[in-house]
C-alpha cells in the first residue's frame, strides 16, 4: 500500500509539472525570444534558448519607434497613470456602493440592485458605441478621461463582491458602533473597511489587471502618440504598416509582464482569500 501511495504521488507530481510547463511555456518562450536576434526568431521559432544572447532588443525597444521621440518609458508612464488612478477610483466607489447595498435601506434599492447586476451581463463591446458618442460630445476623446472617469462610478463585479463580504459581517458590529456615536461614514471607515481587506485587495488586483490589458479601450480613445499605452505601442511594433521589429517587440512584451507578475507574487494570498471567502470566518 505504501508503494502504491508513493507511486501515485510521483505520478501526480510528474503530471502536474508537465502540465504546468505546458501552461508557462509561451511565457518562457517570449522571455527567451527577447534575447534573440529578430532574424533568428523568424528563422528558428521552435528553439527555446537563443544561439547568441543579446540585449540589443531591450535597448532598441526602449527607444520606441517613429520620429515622435517618445520612448517606451512614456508608454509605461501613461499606462501606470491610467491603471493606478482608475484602480483607486474603482476601489473607492465600489466599496462605498457595496456598503450601501449591504447595510443601508433606501427606496428603490431592489430596482437599483437589478440595474447593477444587469451591467455585469452586458458585453463591453455593446456599450462601446454609445460610450464613444457620449465621450466624443464631452470632448474627452484623445485623452485619458474615458479610461479613468467611469471607474469612479463603481463597477458591477466589484460592487457585488464587496457586498457579499459585508453581508457576512455581523450586523451587531454596526449597532455597537452606532451606540458609541459613530456615523455611517465612521462605521464604514473604522469598522467595515478593515474587515473587508481581502475584498479590497482582490478588487485592486483585478482592476489593475483589467486596465493594464485593456487594449480595445486604449486603442479607441487614445489618438496621439504621446498618450499611447504599452498595449497600443506593442501593437504598433507588430503592425506591418509601421516600423515593426520582432526582437524589440518581444523584449518590451517581456517588460510589460513584470508589473502583473510582481503584483500577483506579492498579493496572491489575498487574491485566493478574496475569491474563496465571502465574509468573516467562523
C-alpha atoms as a PDB file:
ATOM      1  CA  UNK A   1       0.000   0.000   0.000  1.00  0.00           C
ATOM      2  CA  UNK A   2       2.838   2.384   0.858  1.00  0.00           C
ATOM      3  CA  UNK A   3       4.482   1.750  -2.512  1.00  0.00           C
ATOM      4  CA  UNK A   4       1.196   2.420  -4.325  1.00  0.00           C
ATOM      5  CA  UNK A   5       0.719   5.709  -2.486  1.00  0.00           C
ATOM      6  CA  UNK A   6       4.280   6.733  -3.264  1.00  0.00           C
ATOM      7  CA  UNK A   7       3.812   5.819  -6.927  1.00  0.00           C
ATOM      8  CA  UNK A   8       0.583   7.826  -7.082  1.00  0.00           C
ATOM      9  CA  UNK A   9       2.311  10.850  -5.551  1.00  0.00           C
ATOM     10  CA  UNK A  10       5.173  10.578  -8.024  1.00  0.00           C
ATOM     11  CA  UNK A  11       2.814  10.286 -10.980  1.00  0.00           C
ATOM     12  CA  UNK A  12       0.714  13.168  -9.650  1.00  0.00           C
ATOM     13  CA  UNK A  13       3.713  15.491  -9.292  1.00  0.00           C
ATOM     14  CA  UNK A  14       5.128  14.470 -12.674  1.00  0.00           C
ATOM     15  CA  UNK A  15       1.787  15.161 -14.362  1.00  0.00           C
ATOM     16  CA  UNK A  16       1.440  18.482 -12.515  1.00  0.00           C
ATOM     17  CA  UNK A  17       4.945  19.575 -13.505  1.00  0.00           C
ATOM     18  CA  UNK A  18       4.373  18.633 -17.142  1.00  0.00           C
ATOM     19  CA  UNK A  19       1.014  20.400 -17.251  1.00  0.00           C
ATOM     20  CA  UNK A  20       2.485  23.449 -15.527  1.00  0.00           C
ATOM     21  CA  UNK A  21       5.345  23.584 -18.026  1.00  0.00           C
ATOM     22  CA  UNK A  22       2.860  23.496 -20.914  1.00  0.00           C
ATOM     23  CA  UNK A  23       0.959  26.376 -19.323  1.00  0.00           C
ATOM     24  CA  UNK A  24       4.003  28.610 -18.771  1.00  0.00           C
ATOM     25  CA  UNK A  25       5.850  27.632 -21.958  1.00  0.00           C
ATOM     26  CA  UNK A  26       4.532  30.610 -24.004  1.00  0.00           C
ATOM     27  CA  UNK A  27       5.688  32.954 -21.246  1.00  0.00           C
ATOM     28  CA  UNK A  28       9.133  31.348 -21.138  1.00  0.00           C
ATOM     29  CA  UNK A  29       9.354  31.437 -24.943  1.00  0.00           C
ATOM     30  CA  UNK A  30       8.601  35.177 -25.039  1.00  0.00           C
ATOM     31  CA  UNK A  31      11.267  35.881 -22.405  1.00  0.00           C
ATOM     32  CA  UNK A  32      13.863  33.745 -24.180  1.00  0.00           C
ATOM     33  CA  UNK A  33      12.976  35.260 -27.562  1.00  0.00           C
ATOM     34  CA  UNK A  34      13.586  38.731 -26.162  1.00  0.00           C
ATOM     35  CA  UNK A  35      17.297  37.819 -26.007  1.00  0.00           C
ATOM     36  CA  UNK A  36      17.440  36.549 -29.612  1.00  0.00           C
ATOM     37  CA  UNK A  37      18.041  38.404 -32.849  1.00  0.00           C
ATOM     38  CA  UNK A  38      14.970  39.127 -34.939  1.00  0.00           C
ATOM     39  CA  UNK A  39      16.259  37.064 -37.852  1.00  0.00           C
ATOM     40  CA  UNK A  40      16.797  34.058 -35.589  1.00  0.00           C
ATOM     41  CA  UNK A  41      13.264  34.337 -34.170  1.00  0.00           C
ATOM     42  CA  UNK A  42      11.722  34.210 -37.640  1.00  0.00           C
ATOM     43  CA  UNK A  43      14.108  31.565 -38.938  1.00  0.00           C
ATOM     44  CA  UNK A  44      14.059  29.144 -35.986  1.00  0.00           C
ATOM     45  CA  UNK A  45      10.956  29.856 -33.939  1.00  0.00           C
ATOM     46  CA  UNK A  46      10.798  26.370 -32.360  1.00  0.00           C
ATOM     47  CA  UNK A  47      14.096  26.740 -30.498  1.00  0.00           C
ATOM     48  CA  UNK A  48      13.641  27.844 -26.897  1.00  0.00           C
ATOM     49  CA  UNK A  49      17.113  29.073 -25.946  1.00  0.00           C
ATOM     50  CA  UNK A  50      18.893  31.557 -28.244  1.00  0.00           C
ATOM     51  CA  UNK A  51      22.106  30.631 -30.013  1.00  0.00           C
ATOM     52  CA  UNK A  52      23.534  34.072 -29.338  1.00  0.00           C
ATOM     53  CA  UNK A  53      22.355  36.071 -26.322  1.00  0.00           C
ATOM     54  CA  UNK A  54      21.882  39.789 -26.915  1.00  0.00           C
ATOM     55  CA  UNK A  55      20.469  42.803 -25.053  1.00  0.00           C
ATOM     56  CA  UNK A  56      20.091  44.909 -28.189  1.00  0.00           C
ATOM     57  CA  UNK A  57      16.363  44.138 -28.315  1.00  0.00           C
ATOM     58  CA  UNK A  58      15.799  45.846 -24.968  1.00  0.00           C
ATOM     59  CA  UNK A  59      17.942  48.832 -25.964  1.00  0.00           C
ATOM     60  CA  UNK A  60      16.275  49.247 -29.353  1.00  0.00           C
ATOM     61  CA  UNK A  61      12.789  48.547 -27.988  1.00  0.00           C
ATOM     62  CA  UNK A  62      13.096  51.091 -25.200  1.00  0.00           C
ATOM     63  CA  UNK A  63      13.934  53.774 -27.763  1.00  0.00           C
ATOM     64  CA  UNK A  64      10.450  53.390 -29.218  1.00  0.00           C
ATOM     65  CA  UNK A  65       9.663  53.815 -32.890  1.00  0.00           C
ATOM     66  CA  UNK A  66       8.923  56.507 -35.411  1.00  0.00           C
ATOM     67  CA  UNK A  67      10.080  60.112 -35.352  1.00  0.00           C
ATOM     68  CA  UNK A  68       7.990  61.227 -32.377  1.00  0.00           C
ATOM     69  CA  UNK A  69      10.858  60.905 -29.941  1.00  0.00           C
ATOM     70  CA  UNK A  70       8.774  59.014 -27.393  1.00  0.00           C
ATOM     71  CA  UNK A  71      10.487  56.120 -25.623  1.00  0.00           C
ATOM     72  CA  UNK A  72       8.762  53.153 -24.039  1.00  0.00           C
ATOM     73  CA  UNK A  73       9.204  54.924 -20.715  1.00  0.00           C
ATOM     74  CA  UNK A  74       6.490  57.332 -21.872  1.00  0.00           C
ATOM     75  CA  UNK A  75       4.160  54.462 -22.730  1.00  0.00           C
ATOM     76  CA  UNK A  76       4.801  52.754 -19.392  1.00  0.00           C
ATOM     77  CA  UNK A  77       4.132  56.007 -17.547  1.00  0.00           C
ATOM     78  CA  UNK A  78       0.863  56.575 -19.412  1.00  0.00           C
ATOM     79  CA  UNK A  79      -0.235  53.032 -18.610  1.00  0.00           C
ATOM     80  CA  UNK A  80       0.629  53.361 -14.915  1.00  0.00           C
ATOM     81  CA  UNK A  81      -1.297  56.640 -14.655  1.00  0.00           C
ATOM     82  CA  UNK A  82      -4.420  55.099 -16.173  1.00  0.00           C
ATOM     83  CA  UNK A  83      -4.156  51.890 -14.131  1.00  0.00           C
ATOM     84  CA  UNK A  84      -3.339  53.465 -10.767  1.00  0.00           C
ATOM     85  CA  UNK A  85      -5.860  56.331 -10.906  1.00  0.00           C
ATOM     86  CA  UNK A  86      -8.567  54.104 -12.381  1.00  0.00           C
ATOM     87  CA  UNK A  87      -7.931  51.405  -9.782  1.00  0.00           C
ATOM     88  CA  UNK A  88      -8.147  53.901  -6.918  1.00  0.00           C
ATOM     89  CA  UNK A  89     -11.450  55.170  -8.290  1.00  0.00           C
ATOM     90  CA  UNK A  90     -12.841  51.649  -8.753  1.00  0.00           C
ATOM     91  CA  UNK A  91     -11.878  50.573  -5.222  1.00  0.00           C
ATOM     92  CA  UNK A  92     -13.287  53.676  -3.503  1.00  0.00           C
ATOM     93  CA  UNK A  93     -16.547  53.823  -5.433  1.00  0.00           C
ATOM     94  CA  UNK A  94     -17.224  50.073  -5.494  1.00  0.00           C
ATOM     95  CA  UNK A  95     -16.645  49.568  -1.760  1.00  0.00           C
ATOM     96  CA  UNK A  96     -18.881  52.521  -0.875  1.00  0.00           C
ATOM     97  CA  UNK A  97     -21.691  51.373  -3.179  1.00  0.00           C
ATOM     98  CA  UNK A  98     -21.324  47.803  -1.921  1.00  0.00           C
ATOM     99  CA  UNK A  99     -21.655  49.053   1.649  1.00  0.00           C
ATOM    100  CA  UNK A 100     -24.774  50.979   0.692  1.00  0.00           C
ATOM    101  CA  UNK A 101     -26.434  47.910  -0.830  1.00  0.00           C
ATOM    102  CA  UNK A 102     -25.443  45.670   2.079  1.00  0.00           C
ATOM    103  CA  UNK A 103     -26.264  47.941   5.049  1.00  0.00           C
ATOM    104  CA  UNK A 104     -28.490  50.885   4.048  1.00  0.00           C
ATOM    105  CA  UNK A 105     -32.213  50.603   3.265  1.00  0.00           C
ATOM    106  CA  UNK A 106     -33.466  53.186   0.771  1.00  0.00           C
ATOM    107  CA  UNK A 107     -36.380  53.464  -1.683  1.00  0.00           C
ATOM    108  CA  UNK A 108     -35.875  51.570  -4.923  1.00  0.00           C
ATOM    109  CA  UNK A 109     -32.972  49.542  -3.557  1.00  0.00           C
ATOM    110  CA  UNK A 110     -34.125  46.357  -5.304  1.00  0.00           C
ATOM    111  CA  UNK A 111     -34.502  48.102  -8.663  1.00  0.00           C
ATOM    112  CA  UNK A 112     -31.066  49.708  -8.429  1.00  0.00           C
ATOM    113  CA  UNK A 113     -29.553  46.352  -7.458  1.00  0.00           C
ATOM    114  CA  UNK A 114     -31.097  44.714 -10.528  1.00  0.00           C
ATOM    115  CA  UNK A 115     -29.730  47.517 -12.720  1.00  0.00           C
ATOM    116  CA  UNK A 116     -26.289  46.989 -11.202  1.00  0.00           C
ATOM    117  CA  UNK A 117     -26.448  43.241 -11.907  1.00  0.00           C
ATOM    118  CA  UNK A 118     -27.562  43.898 -15.498  1.00  0.00           C
ATOM    119  CA  UNK A 119     -24.381  45.885 -16.122  1.00  0.00           C
ATOM    120  CA  UNK A 120     -22.439  42.674 -15.464  1.00  0.00           C
ATOM    121  CA  UNK A 121     -24.370  40.819 -18.169  1.00  0.00           C
ATOM    122  CA  UNK A 122     -23.787  43.298 -20.991  1.00  0.00           C
ATOM    123  CA  UNK A 123     -20.644  42.725 -23.090  1.00  0.00           C
ATOM    124  CA  UNK A 124     -18.312  45.699 -23.178  1.00  0.00           C
ATOM    125  CA  UNK A 125     -18.448  45.779 -26.969  1.00  0.00           C
ATOM    126  CA  UNK A 126     -22.196  46.528 -26.848  1.00  0.00           C
ATOM    127  CA  UNK A 127     -21.548  49.671 -24.814  1.00  0.00           C
ATOM    128  CA  UNK A 128     -18.557  50.879 -26.829  1.00  0.00           C
ATOM    129  CA  UNK A 129     -20.550  52.811 -29.465  1.00  0.00           C
ATOM    130  CA  UNK A 130     -22.861  54.787 -27.107  1.00  0.00           C
ATOM    131  CA  UNK A 131     -19.944  55.435 -24.766  1.00  0.00           C
ATOM    132  CA  UNK A 132     -17.802  56.716 -27.625  1.00  0.00           C
ATOM    133  CA  UNK A 133     -20.598  59.037 -28.783  1.00  0.00           C
ATOM    134  CA  UNK A 134     -21.019  60.370 -25.234  1.00  0.00           C
ATOM    135  CA  UNK A 135     -17.304  60.919 -24.634  1.00  0.00           C
ATOM    136  CA  UNK A 136     -16.897  62.483 -28.063  1.00  0.00           C
ATOM    137  CA  UNK A 137     -19.628  65.043 -27.280  1.00  0.00           C
ATOM    138  CA  UNK A 138     -17.892  65.783 -23.995  1.00  0.00           C
ATOM    139  CA  UNK A 139     -14.626  66.349 -25.864  1.00  0.00           C
ATOM    140  CA  UNK A 140     -12.815  63.594 -23.984  1.00  0.00           C
ATOM    141  CA  UNK A 141     -11.707  61.527 -26.999  1.00  0.00           C
ATOM    142  CA  UNK A 142      -7.934  61.734 -27.292  1.00  0.00           C
ATOM    143  CA  UNK A 143      -7.390  61.976 -23.528  1.00  0.00           C
ATOM    144  CA  UNK A 144      -7.209  59.557 -20.593  1.00  0.00           C
ATOM    145  CA  UNK A 145     -10.565  60.657 -19.163  1.00  0.00           C
ATOM    146  CA  UNK A 146     -12.739  57.974 -20.870  1.00  0.00           C
ATOM    147  CA  UNK A 147     -10.440  55.311 -19.400  1.00  0.00           C
ATOM    148  CA  UNK A 148     -10.325  56.767 -15.872  1.00  0.00           C
ATOM    149  CA  UNK A 149     -13.531  58.663 -15.018  1.00  0.00           C
ATOM    150  CA  UNK A 150     -16.027  55.728 -15.401  1.00  0.00           C
ATOM    151  CA  UNK A 151     -14.085  53.797 -12.739  1.00  0.00           C
ATOM    152  CA  UNK A 152     -15.113  56.430 -10.142  1.00  0.00           C
ATOM    153  CA  UNK A 153     -18.778  55.434 -10.535  1.00  0.00           C
ATOM    154  CA  UNK A 154     -18.384  51.808  -9.444  1.00  0.00           C
ATOM    155  CA  UNK A 155     -18.191  48.522 -11.345  1.00  0.00           C
ATOM    156  CA  UNK A 156     -20.795  45.788 -11.020  1.00  0.00           C
ATOM    157  CA  UNK A 157     -18.490  42.861 -10.281  1.00  0.00           C
ATOM    158  CA  UNK A 158     -16.555  44.725  -7.588  1.00  0.00           C
ATOM    159  CA  UNK A 159     -19.745  46.079  -6.009  1.00  0.00           C
ATOM    160  CA  UNK A 160     -21.229  42.597  -5.819  1.00  0.00           C
ATOM    161  CA  UNK A 161     -18.000  41.145  -4.402  1.00  0.00           C
ATOM    162  CA  UNK A 162     -17.804  43.830  -1.697  1.00  0.00           C
ATOM    163  CA  UNK A 163     -21.479  43.476  -0.849  1.00  0.00           C
ATOM    164  CA  UNK A 164     -21.088  39.718  -0.333  1.00  0.00           C
ATOM    165  CA  UNK A 165     -18.220  40.311   2.079  1.00  0.00           C
ATOM    166  CA  UNK A 166     -20.104  42.941   4.065  1.00  0.00           C
ATOM    167  CA  UNK A 167     -23.210  40.766   4.335  1.00  0.00           C
ATOM    168  CA  UNK A 168     -21.058  38.140   6.062  1.00  0.00           C
ATOM    169  CA  UNK A 169     -20.084  40.615   8.802  1.00  0.00           C
ATOM    170  CA  UNK A 170     -22.376  40.526  11.873  1.00  0.00           C
ATOM    171  CA  UNK A 171     -24.761  43.490  11.927  1.00  0.00           C
ATOM    172  CA  UNK A 172     -24.211  43.751  15.680  1.00  0.00           C
ATOM    173  CA  UNK A 173     -20.897  45.490  14.955  1.00  0.00           C
ATOM    174  CA  UNK A 174     -22.766  48.302  13.204  1.00  0.00           C
ATOM    175  CA  UNK A 175     -25.209  48.610  16.084  1.00  0.00           C
ATOM    176  CA  UNK A 176     -22.374  48.731  18.626  1.00  0.00           C
ATOM    177  CA  UNK A 177     -20.631  51.434  16.596  1.00  0.00           C
ATOM    178  CA  UNK A 178     -23.878  53.425  16.391  1.00  0.00           C
ATOM    179  CA  UNK A 179     -24.317  53.217  20.169  1.00  0.00           C
ATOM    180  CA  UNK A 180     -20.777  54.579  20.564  1.00  0.00           C
ATOM    181  CA  UNK A 181     -21.748  57.570  18.432  1.00  0.00           C
ATOM    182  CA  UNK A 182     -20.265  56.553  15.079  1.00  0.00           C
ATOM    183  CA  UNK A 183     -21.882  57.874  11.931  1.00  0.00           C
ATOM    184  CA  UNK A 184     -22.393  55.823   8.752  1.00  0.00           C
ATOM    185  CA  UNK A 185     -19.117  57.139   7.423  1.00  0.00           C
ATOM    186  CA  UNK A 186     -17.198  56.342  10.622  1.00  0.00           C
ATOM    187  CA  UNK A 187     -18.692  52.858  10.774  1.00  0.00           C
ATOM    188  CA  UNK A 188     -17.688  52.187   7.187  1.00  0.00           C
ATOM    189  CA  UNK A 189     -14.138  53.515   7.555  1.00  0.00           C
ATOM    190  CA  UNK A 190     -13.257  52.209  11.026  1.00  0.00           C
ATOM    191  CA  UNK A 191     -15.342  49.019  11.321  1.00  0.00           C
ATOM    192  CA  UNK A 192     -16.295  47.634   7.906  1.00  0.00           C
ATOM    193  CA  UNK A 193     -13.319  48.606   5.763  1.00  0.00           C
ATOM    194  CA  UNK A 194     -10.663  46.792   7.864  1.00  0.00           C
ATOM    195  CA  UNK A 195     -12.805  43.620   7.863  1.00  0.00           C
ATOM    196  CA  UNK A 196     -13.177  43.505   4.073  1.00  0.00           C
ATOM    197  CA  UNK A 197      -9.451  43.783   3.377  1.00  0.00           C
ATOM    198  CA  UNK A 198      -9.395  40.626   1.177  1.00  0.00           C
ATOM    199  CA  UNK A 199     -12.221  42.024  -0.974  1.00  0.00           C
ATOM    200  CA  UNK A 200     -10.483  45.396  -1.291  1.00  0.00           C
ATOM    201  CA  UNK A 201      -7.190  43.785  -2.341  1.00  0.00           C
ATOM    202  CA  UNK A 202      -8.992  41.466  -4.779  1.00  0.00           C
ATOM    203  CA  UNK A 203     -10.741  44.484  -6.299  1.00  0.00           C
ATOM    204  CA  UNK A 204      -7.415  46.298  -6.564  1.00  0.00           C
ATOM    205  CA  UNK A 205      -5.681  43.398  -8.303  1.00  0.00           C
ATOM    206  CA  UNK A 206      -8.454  42.675 -10.795  1.00  0.00           C
ATOM    207  CA  UNK A 207      -8.999  46.345 -11.591  1.00  0.00           C
ATOM    208  CA  UNK A 208      -5.290  46.877 -12.225  1.00  0.00           C
ATOM    209  CA  UNK A 209      -5.079  43.749 -14.389  1.00  0.00           C
ATOM    210  CA  UNK A 210      -8.112  44.643 -16.474  1.00  0.00           C
ATOM    211  CA  UNK A 211      -6.956  48.182 -17.115  1.00  0.00           C
ATOM    212  CA  UNK A 212      -3.417  47.040 -17.918  1.00  0.00           C
ATOM    213  CA  UNK A 213      -4.783  44.595 -20.525  1.00  0.00           C
ATOM    214  CA  UNK A 214      -7.478  46.920 -21.899  1.00  0.00           C
ATOM    215  CA  UNK A 215      -6.187  47.162 -25.442  1.00  0.00           C
ATOM    216  CA  UNK A 216      -9.546  47.871 -27.093  1.00  0.00           C
ATOM    217  CA  UNK A 217     -10.466  50.888 -24.956  1.00  0.00           C
ATOM    218  CA  UNK A 218      -6.986  52.375 -25.157  1.00  0.00           C
ATOM    219  CA  UNK A 219      -6.894  51.952 -28.927  1.00  0.00           C
ATOM    220  CA  UNK A 220     -10.347  53.520 -29.244  1.00  0.00           C
ATOM    221  CA  UNK A 221      -9.776  56.686 -27.224  1.00  0.00           C
ATOM    222  CA  UNK A 222      -6.029  57.404 -27.439  1.00  0.00           C
ATOM    223  CA  UNK A 223      -5.222  59.027 -30.770  1.00  0.00           C
ATOM    224  CA  UNK A 224      -1.956  60.875 -30.081  1.00  0.00           C
ATOM    225  CA  UNK A 225       1.414  59.049 -29.912  1.00  0.00           C
ATOM    226  CA  UNK A 226       2.398  60.868 -26.715  1.00  0.00           C
ATOM    227  CA  UNK A 227      -0.647  59.372 -24.928  1.00  0.00           C
ATOM    228  CA  UNK A 228      -0.197  55.786 -26.164  1.00  0.00           C
ATOM    229  CA  UNK A 229      -0.043  52.979 -23.616  1.00  0.00           C
ATOM    230  CA  UNK A 230       2.061  49.809 -23.608  1.00  0.00           C
ATOM    231  CA  UNK A 231      -0.677  47.735 -25.266  1.00  0.00           C
ATOM    232  CA  UNK A 232      -1.068  50.151 -28.179  1.00  0.00           C
ATOM    233  CA  UNK A 233       2.707  50.569 -28.561  1.00  0.00           C
ATOM    234  CA  UNK A 234       3.245  46.805 -28.694  1.00  0.00           C
ATOM    235  CA  UNK A 235       0.610  46.531 -31.420  1.00  0.00           C
ATOM    236  CA  UNK A 236       2.442  49.155 -33.463  1.00  0.00           C
ATOM    237  CA  UNK A 237       5.609  47.047 -33.197  1.00  0.00           C
ATOM    238  CA  UNK A 238       3.708  44.200 -34.855  1.00  0.00           C
ATOM    239  CA  UNK A 239       1.933  46.418 -37.400  1.00  0.00           C
ATOM    240  CA  UNK A 240       3.230  45.687 -40.942  1.00  0.00           C
ATOM    241  CA  UNK A 241       2.492  49.314 -41.929  1.00  0.00           C
ATOM    242  CA  UNK A 242       4.776  50.681 -39.197  1.00  0.00           C
ATOM    243  CA  UNK A 243       8.453  50.212 -38.429  1.00  0.00           C
ATOM    244  CA  UNK A 244       7.846  46.861 -36.725  1.00  0.00           C
ATOM    245  CA  UNK A 245      10.670  44.748 -35.353  1.00  0.00           C
ATOM    246  CA  UNK A 246      10.158  41.303 -33.847  1.00  0.00           C
ATOM    247  CA  UNK A 247      13.023  41.245 -31.361  1.00  0.00           C
ATOM    248  CA  UNK A 248      12.316  44.599 -29.654  1.00  0.00           C
ATOM    249  CA  UNK A 249       8.616  43.738 -29.631  1.00  0.00           C
ATOM    250  CA  UNK A 250       9.257  40.585 -27.569  1.00  0.00           C
ATOM    251  CA  UNK A 251      11.634  42.499 -25.303  1.00  0.00           C
ATOM    252  CA  UNK A 252       9.031  45.148 -24.491  1.00  0.00           C
ATOM    253  CA  UNK A 253       6.340  42.459 -24.154  1.00  0.00           C
ATOM    254  CA  UNK A 254       8.515  40.735 -21.533  1.00  0.00           C
ATOM    255  CA  UNK A 255       8.927  44.031 -19.667  1.00  0.00           C
ATOM    256  CA  UNK A 256       5.198  44.696 -19.813  1.00  0.00           C
ATOM    257  CA  UNK A 257       4.525  41.448 -17.935  1.00  0.00           C
ATOM    258  CA  UNK A 258       6.720  42.408 -14.964  1.00  0.00           C
ATOM    259  CA  UNK A 259       4.162  44.601 -13.092  1.00  0.00           C
ATOM    260  CA  UNK A 260       1.482  41.933 -13.416  1.00  0.00           C
ATOM    261  CA  UNK A 261       3.797  39.158 -12.191  1.00  0.00           C
ATOM    262  CA  UNK A 262       5.097  41.240  -9.286  1.00  0.00           C
ATOM    263  CA  UNK A 263       1.586  42.128  -8.105  1.00  0.00           C
ATOM    264  CA  UNK A 264       0.480  38.502  -8.330  1.00  0.00           C
ATOM    265  CA  UNK A 265       3.506  37.165  -6.425  1.00  0.00           C
ATOM    266  CA  UNK A 266       3.096  39.653  -3.560  1.00  0.00           C
ATOM    267  CA  UNK A 267      -0.703  39.545  -3.237  1.00  0.00           C
ATOM    268  CA  UNK A 268      -1.678  36.023  -4.335  1.00  0.00           C
ATOM    269  CA  UNK A 269      -2.584  35.073  -0.752  1.00  0.00           C
ATOM    270  CA  UNK A 270      -5.144  37.861  -0.539  1.00  0.00           C
ATOM    271  CA  UNK A 271      -6.365  37.129  -4.053  1.00  0.00           C
ATOM    272  CA  UNK A 272      -7.160  33.491  -3.205  1.00  0.00           C
ATOM    273  CA  UNK A 273      -8.764  34.532   0.090  1.00  0.00           C
ATOM    274  CA  UNK A 274     -10.854  37.178  -1.589  1.00  0.00           C
ATOM    275  CA  UNK A 275     -12.222  34.759  -4.173  1.00  0.00           C
ATOM    276  CA  UNK A 276     -12.798  31.792  -1.862  1.00  0.00           C
ATOM    277  CA  UNK A 277     -14.482  33.604   1.044  1.00  0.00           C
ATOM    278  CA  UNK A 278     -17.448  35.913   1.325  1.00  0.00           C
ATOM    279  CA  UNK A 279     -17.080  37.372   4.804  1.00  0.00           C
ATOM    280  CA  UNK A 280     -15.849  36.543   8.276  1.00  0.00           C
ATOM    281  CA  UNK A 281     -14.683  33.044   9.051  1.00  0.00           C
ATOM    282  CA  UNK A 282     -16.161  31.080  11.884  1.00  0.00           C
END
